[in-house]
C-alpha atoms as a PDB file:
ATOM      1  CA  UNK A   1     -46.220-124.935  58.667  1.00  0.00           C
ATOM      2  CA  UNK A   2     -45.950-128.038  56.667  1.00  0.00           C
ATOM      3  CA  UNK A   3     -42.764-129.747  55.631  1.00  0.00           C
ATOM      4  CA  UNK A   4     -42.696-131.861  52.579  1.00  0.00           C
ATOM      5  CA  UNK A   5     -40.430-134.447  51.718  1.00  0.00           C
ATOM      6  CA  UNK A   6     -39.517-134.748  47.914  1.00  0.00           C
ATOM      7  CA  UNK A   7     -38.105-137.965  46.593  1.00  0.00           C
ATOM      8  CA  UNK A   8     -35.772-137.012  43.728  1.00  0.00           C
ATOM      9  CA  UNK A   9     -32.391-137.630  42.211  1.00  0.00           C
ATOM     10  CA  UNK A  10     -32.082-134.032  40.901  1.00  0.00           C
ATOM     11  CA  UNK A  11     -30.031-131.391  42.777  1.00  0.00           C
ATOM     12  CA  UNK A  12     -32.954-128.999  43.772  1.00  0.00           C
ATOM     13  CA  UNK A  13     -32.071-125.193  44.491  1.00  0.00           C
ATOM     14  CA  UNK A  14     -32.547-124.016  47.910  1.00  0.00           C
ATOM     15  CA  UNK A  15     -32.630-121.204  49.889  1.00  0.00           C
ATOM     16  CA  UNK A  16     -30.350-120.553  52.972  1.00  0.00           C
ATOM     17  CA  UNK A  17     -31.796-119.349  56.061  1.00  0.00           C
ATOM     18  CA  UNK A  18     -31.171-115.869  57.384  1.00  0.00           C
ATOM     19  CA  UNK A  19     -30.776-115.244  61.416  1.00  0.00           C
ATOM     20  CA  UNK A  20     -34.068-113.446  61.634  1.00  0.00           C
ATOM     21  CA  UNK A  21     -32.892-112.181  65.176  1.00  0.00           C
ATOM     22  CA  UNK A  22     -30.441-109.853  63.335  1.00  0.00           C
ATOM     23  CA  UNK A  23     -33.307-108.222  61.151  1.00  0.00           C
ATOM     24  CA  UNK A  24     -33.698-104.528  61.606  1.00  0.00           C
ATOM     25  CA  UNK A  25     -36.752-102.325  60.928  1.00  0.00           C
ATOM     26  CA  UNK A  26     -35.963-100.896  57.417  1.00  0.00           C
ATOM     27  CA  UNK A  27     -34.246-103.897  55.939  1.00  0.00           C
ATOM     28  CA  UNK A  28     -35.470-104.346  52.502  1.00  0.00           C
ATOM     29  CA  UNK A  29     -37.511-107.698  51.700  1.00  0.00           C
ATOM     30  CA  UNK A  30     -39.022-109.355  48.885  1.00  0.00           C
ATOM     31  CA  UNK A  31     -42.248-111.385  49.381  1.00  0.00           C
ATOM     32  CA  UNK A  32     -42.704-114.430  46.864  1.00  0.00           C
ATOM     33  CA  UNK A  33     -46.201-116.099  46.301  1.00  0.00           C
ATOM     34  CA  UNK A  34     -49.195-116.557  44.020  1.00  0.00           C
ATOM     35  CA  UNK A  35     -51.630-114.041  45.007  1.00  0.00           C
ATOM     36  CA  UNK A  36     -55.018-114.713  43.981  1.00  0.00           C
ATOM     37  CA  UNK A  37     -53.598-117.659  41.825  1.00  0.00           C
ATOM     38  CA  UNK A  38     -52.446-115.449  39.091  1.00  0.00           C
ATOM     39  CA  UNK A  39     -49.119-116.937  39.029  1.00  0.00           C
ATOM     40  CA  UNK A  40     -45.532-116.615  40.727  1.00  0.00           C
ATOM     41  CA  UNK A  41     -45.494-112.904  41.815  1.00  0.00           C
ATOM     42  CA  UNK A  42     -42.471-110.919  43.540  1.00  0.00           C
ATOM     43  CA  UNK A  43     -43.374-107.764  45.530  1.00  0.00           C
ATOM     44  CA  UNK A  44     -40.860-105.543  47.706  1.00  0.00           C
ATOM     45  CA  UNK A  45     -40.822-103.497  50.701  1.00  0.00           C
ATOM     46  CA  UNK A  46     -39.245-103.358  54.184  1.00  0.00           C
ATOM     47  CA  UNK A  47     -39.427-104.776  57.476  1.00  0.00           C
ATOM     48  CA  UNK A  48     -41.738-102.547  58.825  1.00  0.00           C
ATOM     49  CA  UNK A  49     -41.996-104.085  62.636  1.00  0.00           C
ATOM     50  CA  UNK A  50     -40.274-106.984  64.588  1.00  0.00           C
ATOM     51  CA  UNK A  51     -41.637-108.908  67.569  1.00  0.00           C
ATOM     52  CA  UNK A  52     -45.444-108.645  66.649  1.00  0.00           C
ATOM     53  CA  UNK A  53     -47.406-110.681  69.015  1.00  0.00           C
ATOM     54  CA  UNK A  54     -50.157-112.331  67.994  1.00  0.00           C
ATOM     55  CA  UNK A  55     -50.123-111.159  64.225  1.00  0.00           C
ATOM     56  CA  UNK A  56     -53.197-109.004  63.302  1.00  0.00           C
ATOM     57  CA  UNK A  57     -54.158-106.866  66.012  1.00  0.00           C
ATOM     58  CA  UNK A  58     -52.066-108.432  68.643  1.00  0.00           C
ATOM     59  CA  UNK A  59     -54.652-111.019  69.218  1.00  0.00           C
ATOM     60  CA  UNK A  60     -53.571-114.781  70.142  1.00  0.00           C
ATOM     61  CA  UNK A  61     -50.488-116.691  70.108  1.00  0.00           C
ATOM     62  CA  UNK A  62     -47.673-116.226  67.655  1.00  0.00           C
ATOM     63  CA  UNK A  63     -44.652-114.021  66.914  1.00  0.00           C
ATOM     64  CA  UNK A  64     -44.121-112.307  63.453  1.00  0.00           C
ATOM     65  CA  UNK A  65     -42.254-110.153  61.415  1.00  0.00           C
ATOM     66  CA  UNK A  66     -44.045-107.213  60.021  1.00  0.00           C
ATOM     67  CA  UNK A  67     -43.763-106.093  56.431  1.00  0.00           C
ATOM     68  CA  UNK A  68     -45.476-103.748  53.884  1.00  0.00           C
ATOM     69  CA  UNK A  69     -44.289-105.766  51.044  1.00  0.00           C
ATOM     70  CA  UNK A  70     -47.744-106.495  49.370  1.00  0.00           C
ATOM     71  CA  UNK A  71     -49.111-109.590  50.711  1.00  0.00           C
ATOM     72  CA  UNK A  72     -52.426-111.145  49.183  1.00  0.00           C
ATOM     73  CA  UNK A  73     -54.797-114.233  49.487  1.00  0.00           C
ATOM     74  CA  UNK A  74     -52.412-116.606  47.926  1.00  0.00           C
ATOM     75  CA  UNK A  75     -49.069-115.417  49.410  1.00  0.00           C
ATOM     76  CA  UNK A  76     -49.508-117.594  52.435  1.00  0.00           C
ATOM     77  CA  UNK A  77     -46.583-120.163  52.552  1.00  0.00           C
ATOM     78  CA  UNK A  78     -44.573-118.024  50.254  1.00  0.00           C
ATOM     79  CA  UNK A  79     -40.905-116.806  51.168  1.00  0.00           C
ATOM     80  CA  UNK A  80     -40.274-113.321  52.658  1.00  0.00           C
ATOM     81  CA  UNK A  81     -36.571-113.076  51.484  1.00  0.00           C
ATOM     82  CA  UNK A  82     -33.861-110.483  52.354  1.00  0.00           C
ATOM     83  CA  UNK A  83     -31.401-108.738  50.078  1.00  0.00           C
ATOM     84  CA  UNK A  84     -28.793-111.557  50.246  1.00  0.00           C
ATOM     85  CA  UNK A  85     -31.391-114.107  48.747  1.00  0.00           C
ATOM     86  CA  UNK A  86     -31.596-115.593  52.177  1.00  0.00           C
ATOM     87  CA  UNK A  87     -35.253-116.821  53.913  1.00  0.00           C
ATOM     88  CA  UNK A  88     -36.104-114.358  56.479  1.00  0.00           C
ATOM     89  CA  UNK A  89     -39.637-115.580  57.112  1.00  0.00           C
ATOM     90  CA  UNK A  90     -42.784-117.283  55.742  1.00  0.00           C
ATOM     91  CA  UNK A  91     -45.680-115.136  54.690  1.00  0.00           C
ATOM     92  CA  UNK A  92     -48.894-116.086  56.864  1.00  0.00           C
ATOM     93  CA  UNK A  93     -51.264-113.423  57.031  1.00  0.00           C
ATOM     94  CA  UNK A  94     -52.355-109.949  56.570  1.00  0.00           C
ATOM     95  CA  UNK A  95     -54.310-107.028  58.492  1.00  0.00           C
ATOM     96  CA  UNK A  96     -56.901-106.004  55.986  1.00  0.00           C
ATOM     97  CA  UNK A  97     -60.344-104.501  55.978  1.00  0.00           C
ATOM     98  CA  UNK A  98     -61.009-104.885  52.172  1.00  0.00           C
ATOM     99  CA  UNK A  99     -59.513-108.504  51.615  1.00  0.00           C
ATOM    100  CA  UNK A 100     -56.501-107.350  49.763  1.00  0.00           C
ATOM    101  CA  UNK A 101     -53.030-105.933  50.958  1.00  0.00           C
ATOM    102  CA  UNK A 102     -53.081-102.575  52.962  1.00  0.00           C
ATOM    103  CA  UNK A 103     -49.295-102.896  53.521  1.00  0.00           C
ATOM    104  CA  UNK A 104     -49.500-104.677  56.697  1.00  0.00           C
ATOM    105  CA  UNK A 105     -48.297-108.247  56.458  1.00  0.00           C
ATOM    106  CA  UNK A 106     -46.977-110.786  58.855  1.00  0.00           C
ATOM    107  CA  UNK A 107     -44.282-113.452  58.315  1.00  0.00           C
ATOM    108  CA  UNK A 108     -43.187-116.480  60.601  1.00  0.00           C
ATOM    109  CA  UNK A 109     -39.521-115.591  61.434  1.00  0.00           C
ATOM    110  CA  UNK A 110     -36.837-117.968  59.811  1.00  0.00           C
ATOM    111  CA  UNK A 111     -35.200-119.067  63.144  1.00  0.00           C
ATOM    112  CA  UNK A 112     -38.560-120.707  63.958  1.00  0.00           C
ATOM    113  CA  UNK A 113     -38.919-122.279  60.734  1.00  0.00           C
ATOM    114  CA  UNK A 114     -35.469-123.437  60.739  1.00  0.00           C
ATOM    115  CA  UNK A 115     -36.310-125.345  64.173  1.00  0.00           C
ATOM    116  CA  UNK A 116     -39.446-126.828  62.871  1.00  0.00           C
ATOM    117  CA  UNK A 117     -37.525-128.152  59.695  1.00  0.00           C
ATOM    118  CA  UNK A 118     -34.734-129.488  61.999  1.00  0.00           C
ATOM    119  CA  UNK A 119     -37.505-131.468  63.784  1.00  0.00           C
ATOM    120  CA  UNK A 120     -39.021-132.773  60.579  1.00  0.00           C
ATOM    121  CA  UNK A 121     -35.797-133.976  59.342  1.00  0.00           C
ATOM    122  CA  UNK A 122     -35.409-135.747  62.456  1.00  0.00           C
ATOM    123  CA  UNK A 123     -38.405-137.622  62.069  1.00  0.00           C
ATOM    124  CA  UNK A 124     -40.926-136.016  64.000  1.00  0.00           C
ATOM    125  CA  UNK A 125     -44.479-135.712  62.568  1.00  0.00           C
ATOM    126  CA  UNK A 126     -45.803-132.728  64.453  1.00  0.00           C
ATOM    127  CA  UNK A 127     -43.520-129.760  66.163  1.00  0.00           C
ATOM    128  CA  UNK A 128     -42.586-130.062  69.568  1.00  0.00           C
ATOM    129  CA  UNK A 129     -42.401-126.740  71.520  1.00  0.00           C
ATOM    130  CA  UNK A 130     -40.518-126.139  74.745  1.00  0.00           C
ATOM    131  CA  UNK A 131     -42.847-125.546  77.894  1.00  0.00           C
ATOM    132  CA  UNK A 132     -42.219-122.363  79.881  1.00  0.00           C
ATOM    133  CA  UNK A 133     -44.564-123.560  82.814  1.00  0.00           C
ATOM    134  CA  UNK A 134     -44.576-119.669  83.910  1.00  0.00           C
ATOM    135  CA  UNK A 135     -47.322-117.045  83.985  1.00  0.00           C
ATOM    136  CA  UNK A 136     -45.621-114.001  82.979  1.00  0.00           C
ATOM    137  CA  UNK A 137     -46.764-110.139  82.510  1.00  0.00           C
ATOM    138  CA  UNK A 138     -44.832-107.094  80.682  1.00  0.00           C
ATOM    139  CA  UNK A 139     -42.857-104.898  82.772  1.00  0.00           C
ATOM    140  CA  UNK A 140     -44.290-101.331  82.550  1.00  0.00           C
ATOM    141  CA  UNK A 141     -42.830 -98.297  83.987  1.00  0.00           C
ATOM    142  CA  UNK A 142     -44.533 -98.588  87.456  1.00  0.00           C
ATOM    143  CA  UNK A 143     -43.327-102.413  87.655  1.00  0.00           C
ATOM    144  CA  UNK A 144     -39.958-101.347  86.821  1.00  0.00           C
ATOM    145  CA  UNK A 145     -39.710 -98.648  89.560  1.00  0.00           C
ATOM    146  CA  UNK A 146     -41.037-100.984  92.148  1.00  0.00           C
ATOM    147  CA  UNK A 147     -38.803-103.933  91.307  1.00  0.00           C
ATOM    148  CA  UNK A 148     -35.674-101.590  90.875  1.00  0.00           C
ATOM    149  CA  UNK A 149     -35.108-102.234  87.301  1.00  0.00           C
ATOM    150  CA  UNK A 150     -33.097 -99.740  85.512  1.00  0.00           C
ATOM    151  CA  UNK A 151     -35.599 -99.760  82.408  1.00  0.00           C
ATOM    152  CA  UNK A 152     -39.165-101.323  81.739  1.00  0.00           C
ATOM    153  CA  UNK A 153     -37.734-104.385  80.155  1.00  0.00           C
ATOM    154  CA  UNK A 154     -38.589-107.968  80.647  1.00  0.00           C
ATOM    155  CA  UNK A 155     -41.550-110.081  81.901  1.00  0.00           C
ATOM    156  CA  UNK A 156     -42.365-110.548  85.598  1.00  0.00           C
ATOM    157  CA  UNK A 157     -43.022-114.025  86.938  1.00  0.00           C
ATOM    158  CA  UNK A 158     -46.492-114.264  88.498  1.00  0.00           C
ATOM    159  CA  UNK A 159     -46.933-117.998  88.911  1.00  0.00           C
ATOM    160  CA  UNK A 160     -44.481-121.073  88.331  1.00  0.00           C
ATOM    161  CA  UNK A 161     -45.778-124.797  87.905  1.00  0.00           C
ATOM    162  CA  UNK A 162     -43.831-126.881  90.051  1.00  0.00           C
ATOM    163  CA  UNK A 163     -42.442-128.847  87.169  1.00  0.00           C
ATOM    164  CA  UNK A 164     -41.499-125.828  85.194  1.00  0.00           C
ATOM    165  CA  UNK A 165     -37.967-125.710  83.946  1.00  0.00           C
ATOM    166  CA  UNK A 166     -37.811-122.203  85.409  1.00  0.00           C
ATOM    167  CA  UNK A 167     -38.674-123.331  88.930  1.00  0.00           C
ATOM    168  CA  UNK A 168     -36.069-125.953  88.538  1.00  0.00           C
ATOM    169  CA  UNK A 169     -33.534-123.472  87.667  1.00  0.00           C
ATOM    170  CA  UNK A 170     -34.466-121.773  90.994  1.00  0.00           C
ATOM    171  CA  UNK A 171     -36.586-118.837  89.704  1.00  0.00           C
ATOM    172  CA  UNK A 172     -39.520-117.654  92.099  1.00  0.00           C
ATOM    173  CA  UNK A 173     -42.512-115.186  91.579  1.00  0.00           C
ATOM    174  CA  UNK A 174     -41.506-111.744  91.384  1.00  0.00           C
ATOM    175  CA  UNK A 175     -38.283-112.387  89.401  1.00  0.00           C
ATOM    176  CA  UNK A 176     -38.074-110.437  86.123  1.00  0.00           C
ATOM    177  CA  UNK A 177     -36.899-112.447  83.101  1.00  0.00           C
ATOM    178  CA  UNK A 178     -34.796-110.073  80.764  1.00  0.00           C
ATOM    179  CA  UNK A 179     -33.278-112.239  78.342  1.00  0.00           C
ATOM    180  CA  UNK A 180     -33.265-115.968  77.051  1.00  0.00           C
ATOM    181  CA  UNK A 181     -30.047-116.903  75.399  1.00  0.00           C
ATOM    182  CA  UNK A 182     -28.768-113.281  75.717  1.00  0.00           C
ATOM    183  CA  UNK A 183     -31.710-112.070  73.495  1.00  0.00           C
ATOM    184  CA  UNK A 184     -34.259-109.717  74.959  1.00  0.00           C
ATOM    185  CA  UNK A 185     -37.522-110.663  76.299  1.00  0.00           C
ATOM    186  CA  UNK A 186     -40.327-108.180  76.376  1.00  0.00           C
ATOM    187  CA  UNK A 187     -43.396-109.861  76.430  1.00  0.00           C
ATOM    188  CA  UNK A 188     -45.199-113.429  76.935  1.00  0.00           C
ATOM    189  CA  UNK A 189     -45.180-114.341  73.256  1.00  0.00           C
ATOM    190  CA  UNK A 190     -41.565-113.269  72.843  1.00  0.00           C
ATOM    191  CA  UNK A 191     -40.790-115.764  75.788  1.00  0.00           C
ATOM    192  CA  UNK A 192     -42.299-118.365  74.018  1.00  0.00           C
ATOM    193  CA  UNK A 193     -40.626-117.526  70.737  1.00  0.00           C
ATOM    194  CA  UNK A 194     -37.256-117.650  72.211  1.00  0.00           C
ATOM    195  CA  UNK A 195     -37.797-121.053  73.798  1.00  0.00           C
ATOM    196  CA  UNK A 196     -39.308-122.331  70.512  1.00  0.00           C
ATOM    197  CA  UNK A 197     -36.439-121.562  68.354  1.00  0.00           C
ATOM    198  CA  UNK A 198     -34.029-123.553  70.762  1.00  0.00           C
ATOM    199  CA  UNK A 199     -36.025-126.781  70.905  1.00  0.00           C
ATOM    200  CA  UNK A 200     -36.657-129.275  73.592  1.00  0.00           C
ATOM    201  CA  UNK A 201     -33.537-130.731  75.096  1.00  0.00           C
ATOM    202  CA  UNK A 202     -31.447-127.549  74.601  1.00  0.00           C
ATOM    203  CA  UNK A 203     -29.562-126.066  77.577  1.00  0.00           C
ATOM    204  CA  UNK A 204     -30.492-122.083  77.505  1.00  0.00           C
ATOM    205  CA  UNK A 205     -29.036-119.154  79.655  1.00  0.00           C
ATOM    206  CA  UNK A 206     -31.962-117.229  81.221  1.00  0.00           C
ATOM    207  CA  UNK A 207     -30.939-113.710  82.557  1.00  0.00           C
ATOM    208  CA  UNK A 208     -33.382-112.376  85.429  1.00  0.00           C
ATOM    209  CA  UNK A 209     -33.565-109.598  88.008  1.00  0.00           C
ATOM    210  CA  UNK A 210     -34.113-110.184  91.579  1.00  0.00           C
ATOM    211  CA  UNK A 211     -33.894-107.721  94.677  1.00  0.00           C
ATOM    212  CA  UNK A 212     -32.077-105.234  92.571  1.00  0.00           C
ATOM    213  CA  UNK A 213     -29.468-107.434  91.141  1.00  0.00           C
ATOM    214  CA  UNK A 214     -29.149-109.362  87.869  1.00  0.00           C
ATOM    215  CA  UNK A 215     -28.391-113.073  87.927  1.00  0.00           C
ATOM    216  CA  UNK A 216     -28.231-115.795  85.472  1.00  0.00           C
ATOM    217  CA  UNK A 217     -29.293-119.380  85.438  1.00  0.00           C
ATOM    218  CA  UNK A 218     -29.456-122.294  83.072  1.00  0.00           C
ATOM    219  CA  UNK A 219     -32.797-124.052  82.268  1.00  0.00           C
ATOM    220  CA  UNK A 220     -33.230-127.264  80.236  1.00  0.00           C
ATOM    221  CA  UNK A 221     -35.951-127.100  77.939  1.00  0.00           C
ATOM    222  CA  UNK A 222     -38.755-129.795  78.230  1.00  0.00           C
ATOM    223  CA  UNK A 223     -42.164-130.308  76.491  1.00  0.00           C
ATOM    224  CA  UNK A 224     -45.082-129.548  78.673  1.00  0.00           C
ATOM    225  CA  UNK A 225     -45.897-133.159  80.630  1.00  0.00           C
ATOM    226  CA  UNK A 226     -49.325-134.630  80.131  1.00  0.00           C
ATOM    227  CA  UNK A 227     -51.463-134.813  77.213  1.00  0.00           C
ATOM    228  CA  UNK A 228     -52.458-138.534  77.313  1.00  0.00           C
ATOM    229  CA  UNK A 229     -55.665-139.429  75.777  1.00  0.00           C
ATOM    230  CA  UNK A 230     -56.185-142.216  78.553  1.00  0.00           C
ATOM    231  CA  UNK A 231     -57.656-139.495  80.951  1.00  0.00           C
ATOM    232  CA  UNK A 232     -60.393-138.219  78.772  1.00  0.00           C
ATOM    233  CA  UNK A 233     -64.079-139.137  79.612  1.00  0.00           C
ATOM    234  CA  UNK A 234     -66.958-139.457  77.170  1.00  0.00           C
ATOM    235  CA  UNK A 235     -70.349-139.038  79.021  1.00  0.00           C
ATOM    236  CA  UNK A 236     -72.879-141.963  78.143  1.00  0.00           C
ATOM    237  CA  UNK A 237     -76.085-142.933  79.384  1.00  0.00           C
ATOM    238  CA  UNK A 238     -78.695-140.898  77.190  1.00  0.00           C
ATOM    239  CA  UNK A 239     -78.733-137.713  79.290  1.00  0.00           C
ATOM    240  CA  UNK A 240     -78.354-134.108  78.212  1.00  0.00           C
ATOM    241  CA  UNK A 241     -74.381-134.608  78.303  1.00  0.00           C
ATOM    242  CA  UNK A 242     -74.496-137.767  76.368  1.00  0.00           C
ATOM    243  CA  UNK A 243     -71.447-137.481  73.668  1.00  0.00           C
ATOM    244  CA  UNK A 244     -69.590-134.930  75.573  1.00  0.00           C
ATOM    245  CA  UNK A 245     -65.784-135.860  75.892  1.00  0.00           C
ATOM    246  CA  UNK A 246     -63.882-133.936  78.714  1.00  0.00           C
ATOM    247  CA  UNK A 247     -60.490-134.139  79.986  1.00  0.00           C
ATOM    248  CA  UNK A 248     -58.447-132.854  83.186  1.00  0.00           C
ATOM    249  CA  UNK A 249     -56.363-129.887  82.711  1.00  0.00           C
ATOM    250  CA  UNK A 250     -52.690-130.738  82.776  1.00  0.00           C
ATOM    251  CA  UNK A 251     -49.721-128.830  81.583  1.00  0.00           C
ATOM    252  CA  UNK A 252     -49.925-129.801  77.894  1.00  0.00           C
ATOM    253  CA  UNK A 253     -53.303-128.534  77.709  1.00  0.00           C
ATOM    254  CA  UNK A 254     -52.637-125.555  79.346  1.00  0.00           C
ATOM    255  CA  UNK A 255     -49.926-124.961  77.033  1.00  0.00           C
ATOM    256  CA  UNK A 256     -51.918-125.812  73.792  1.00  0.00           C
ATOM    257  CA  UNK A 257     -54.774-123.510  74.904  1.00  0.00           C
ATOM    258  CA  UNK A 258     -52.747-120.649  76.502  1.00  0.00           C
ATOM    259  CA  UNK A 259     -54.420-120.768  79.585  1.00  0.00           C
ATOM    260  CA  UNK A 260     -53.036-119.414  82.892  1.00  0.00           C
ATOM    261  CA  UNK A 261     -51.451-121.796  85.215  1.00  0.00           C
ATOM    262  CA  UNK A 262     -54.022-121.170  87.921  1.00  0.00           C
ATOM    263  CA  UNK A 263     -57.357-122.096  86.002  1.00  0.00           C
ATOM    264  CA  UNK A 264     -59.061-125.203  87.318  1.00  0.00           C
ATOM    265  CA  UNK A 265     -61.818-127.315  85.795  1.00  0.00           C
ATOM    266  CA  UNK A 266     -62.024-129.707  82.909  1.00  0.00           C
ATOM    267  CA  UNK A 267     -61.783-129.009  79.165  1.00  0.00           C
ATOM    268  CA  UNK A 268     -64.337-129.993  76.527  1.00  0.00           C
ATOM    269  CA  UNK A 269     -62.383-131.887  74.011  1.00  0.00           C
ATOM    270  CA  UNK A 270     -65.447-133.226  71.786  1.00  0.00           C
ATOM    271  CA  UNK A 271     -69.003-132.634  71.257  1.00  0.00           C
ATOM    272  CA  UNK A 272     -71.192-135.362  69.635  1.00  0.00           C
ATOM    273  CA  UNK A 273     -73.296-133.739  66.676  1.00  0.00           C
ATOM    274  CA  UNK A 274     -76.094-135.346  68.580  1.00  0.00           C
ATOM    275  CA  UNK A 275     -75.445-133.964  71.911  1.00  0.00           C
ATOM    276  CA  UNK A 276     -77.929-131.613  73.257  1.00  0.00           C
ATOM    277  CA  UNK A 277     -74.969-129.910  75.138  1.00  0.00           C
ATOM    278  CA  UNK A 278     -73.726-128.877  71.649  1.00  0.00           C
ATOM    279  CA  UNK A 279     -73.549-125.196  72.741  1.00  0.00           C
ATOM    280  CA  UNK A 280     -70.504-126.263  74.517  1.00  0.00           C
ATOM    281  CA  UNK A 281     -67.196-126.347  72.039  1.00  0.00           C
ATOM    282  CA  UNK A 282     -64.010-128.113  72.127  1.00  0.00           C
ATOM    283  CA  UNK A 283     -61.649-125.994  73.992  1.00  0.00           C
ATOM    284  CA  UNK A 284     -64.280-124.663  76.588  1.00  0.00           C
ATOM    285  CA  UNK A 285     -63.274-125.011  80.269  1.00  0.00           C
ATOM    286  CA  UNK A 286     -66.094-125.930  82.410  1.00  0.00           C
ATOM    287  CA  UNK A 287     -65.565-124.488  85.752  1.00  0.00           C
ATOM    288  CA  UNK A 288     -68.895-125.502  87.630  1.00  0.00           C
ATOM    289  CA  UNK A 289     -72.190-127.457  86.974  1.00  0.00           C
ATOM    290  CA  UNK A 290     -75.369-126.364  88.816  1.00  0.00           C
ATOM    291  CA  UNK A 291     -73.217-124.435  91.067  1.00  0.00           C
ATOM    292  CA  UNK A 292     -70.917-127.478  92.108  1.00  0.00           C
ATOM    293  CA  UNK A 293     -67.377-126.730  91.235  1.00  0.00           C
ATOM    294  CA  UNK A 294     -65.754-129.028  88.777  1.00  0.00           C
ATOM    295  CA  UNK A 295     -62.140-130.018  89.170  1.00  0.00           C
ATOM    296  CA  UNK A 296     -62.050-133.548  87.495  1.00  0.00           C
ATOM    297  CA  UNK A 297     -63.814-135.374  84.724  1.00  0.00           C
ATOM    298  CA  UNK A 298     -65.276-137.552  87.645  1.00  0.00           C
ATOM    299  CA  UNK A 299     -66.609-134.507  89.414  1.00  0.00           C
ATOM    300  CA  UNK A 300     -68.350-133.526  86.131  1.00  0.00           C
ATOM    301  CA  UNK A 301     -69.960-137.214  85.548  1.00  0.00           C
ATOM    302  CA  UNK A 302     -71.128-137.491  89.303  1.00  0.00           C
ATOM    303  CA  UNK A 303     -73.041-133.984  88.910  1.00  0.00           C
ATOM    304  CA  UNK A 304     -74.329-134.825  85.548  1.00  0.00           C
ATOM    305  CA  UNK A 305     -75.839-138.307  86.617  1.00  0.00           C
ATOM    306  CA  UNK A 306     -78.066-136.290  88.800  1.00  0.00           C
ATOM    307  CA  UNK A 307     -81.824-136.654  87.949  1.00  0.00           C
ATOM    308  CA  UNK A 308     -82.432-133.046  87.102  1.00  0.00           C
ATOM    309  CA  UNK A 309     -83.813-131.119  83.872  1.00  0.00           C
ATOM    310  CA  UNK A 310     -82.308-127.946  84.535  1.00  0.00           C
ATOM    311  CA  UNK A 311     -78.768-127.126  84.053  1.00  0.00           C
ATOM    312  CA  UNK A 312     -76.414-124.282  84.696  1.00  0.00           C
ATOM    313  CA  UNK A 313     -72.884-124.268  83.076  1.00  0.00           C
ATOM    314  CA  UNK A 314     -70.124-121.960  83.912  1.00  0.00           C
ATOM    315  CA  UNK A 315     -67.346-122.104  81.498  1.00  0.00           C
ATOM    316  CA  UNK A 316     -64.566-120.071  80.101  1.00  0.00           C
ATOM    317  CA  UNK A 317     -64.026-119.633  76.352  1.00  0.00           C
ATOM    318  CA  UNK A 318     -61.344-117.404  74.762  1.00  0.00           C
ATOM    319  CA  UNK A 319     -60.165-116.528  78.155  1.00  0.00           C
ATOM    320  CA  UNK A 320     -63.637-115.102  79.067  1.00  0.00           C
ATOM    321  CA  UNK A 321     -66.235-116.582  81.643  1.00  0.00           C
ATOM    322  CA  UNK A 322     -69.537-117.545  80.501  1.00  0.00           C
ATOM    323  CA  UNK A 323     -72.726-118.952  81.639  1.00  0.00           C
ATOM    324  CA  UNK A 324     -75.369-120.913  79.985  1.00  0.00           C
ATOM    325  CA  UNK A 325     -78.700-122.704  81.031  1.00  0.00           C
ATOM    326  CA  UNK A 326     -79.848-125.789  79.480  1.00  0.00           C
ATOM    327  CA  UNK A 327     -83.073-127.896  79.754  1.00  0.00           C
ATOM    328  CA  UNK A 328     -83.297-131.783  79.525  1.00  0.00           C
ATOM    329  CA  UNK A 329     -82.159-134.777  81.321  1.00  0.00           C
END
């Protein structure tokens, strides 16, 4: 999303925000946009689904409203409007095999849009998302029975970062988070969405299940710690890895790349076009180099300075482990 400031003395018309948490499957909606550049176009449909995690195919980050209103290339950034003329979402993508609309479109919910607009109006140049600092997984019927939950709803905490706001509120591994601010949470993306719509600095009630009983705690939402460019290291010296920039893994990078809290290694943040290690890409997590585990950029540099011409690099890309072999020194 981009928020644009207009300098004008004119009284511009504007849409009110709908509360997208109140949307229901079957609600009538209008999609407004400029499909294929032919001009302003309005199509109609219904809300086909809610809480679509990851958008098309359920892959990746995000949390979307699904609609069957025709959305085509050129509609992205257009409004999804309810029958009261309020903004319910921002059209963003479609699921298609032909390149055109198949009646499966996705929109960013208005409540998230409203939070980003609020941040932009307050002077932020980039949106700041609250950090959960927890790894969670959805609850299925077996987990619900094992934890004593009356129904398979919520997400179970598997790991907490020591600085997590949930850890500060007293949650522990094995707790089942069922609601944030009174709104249900049934998946990792939904947890992130519930936090993102509140914004950093907010005090939010978290409802969770422990030892057969429901409990409530208050968490204070904060951004992920870390993210400083000072810790980055660019390899020099004319070897195979010259021009490779790496950084330690901190909570800010874990949140940005959606990595598990337990991941170890260093992250590739840049690769020079002349680097002979160009098979690595920004976002790759280097786990080991020639069989030596890598935990810090200094570990990487120490191994990379060895006088060898054969290299074996174990790394993680898109959540999957991979291995490449390179020659040169």
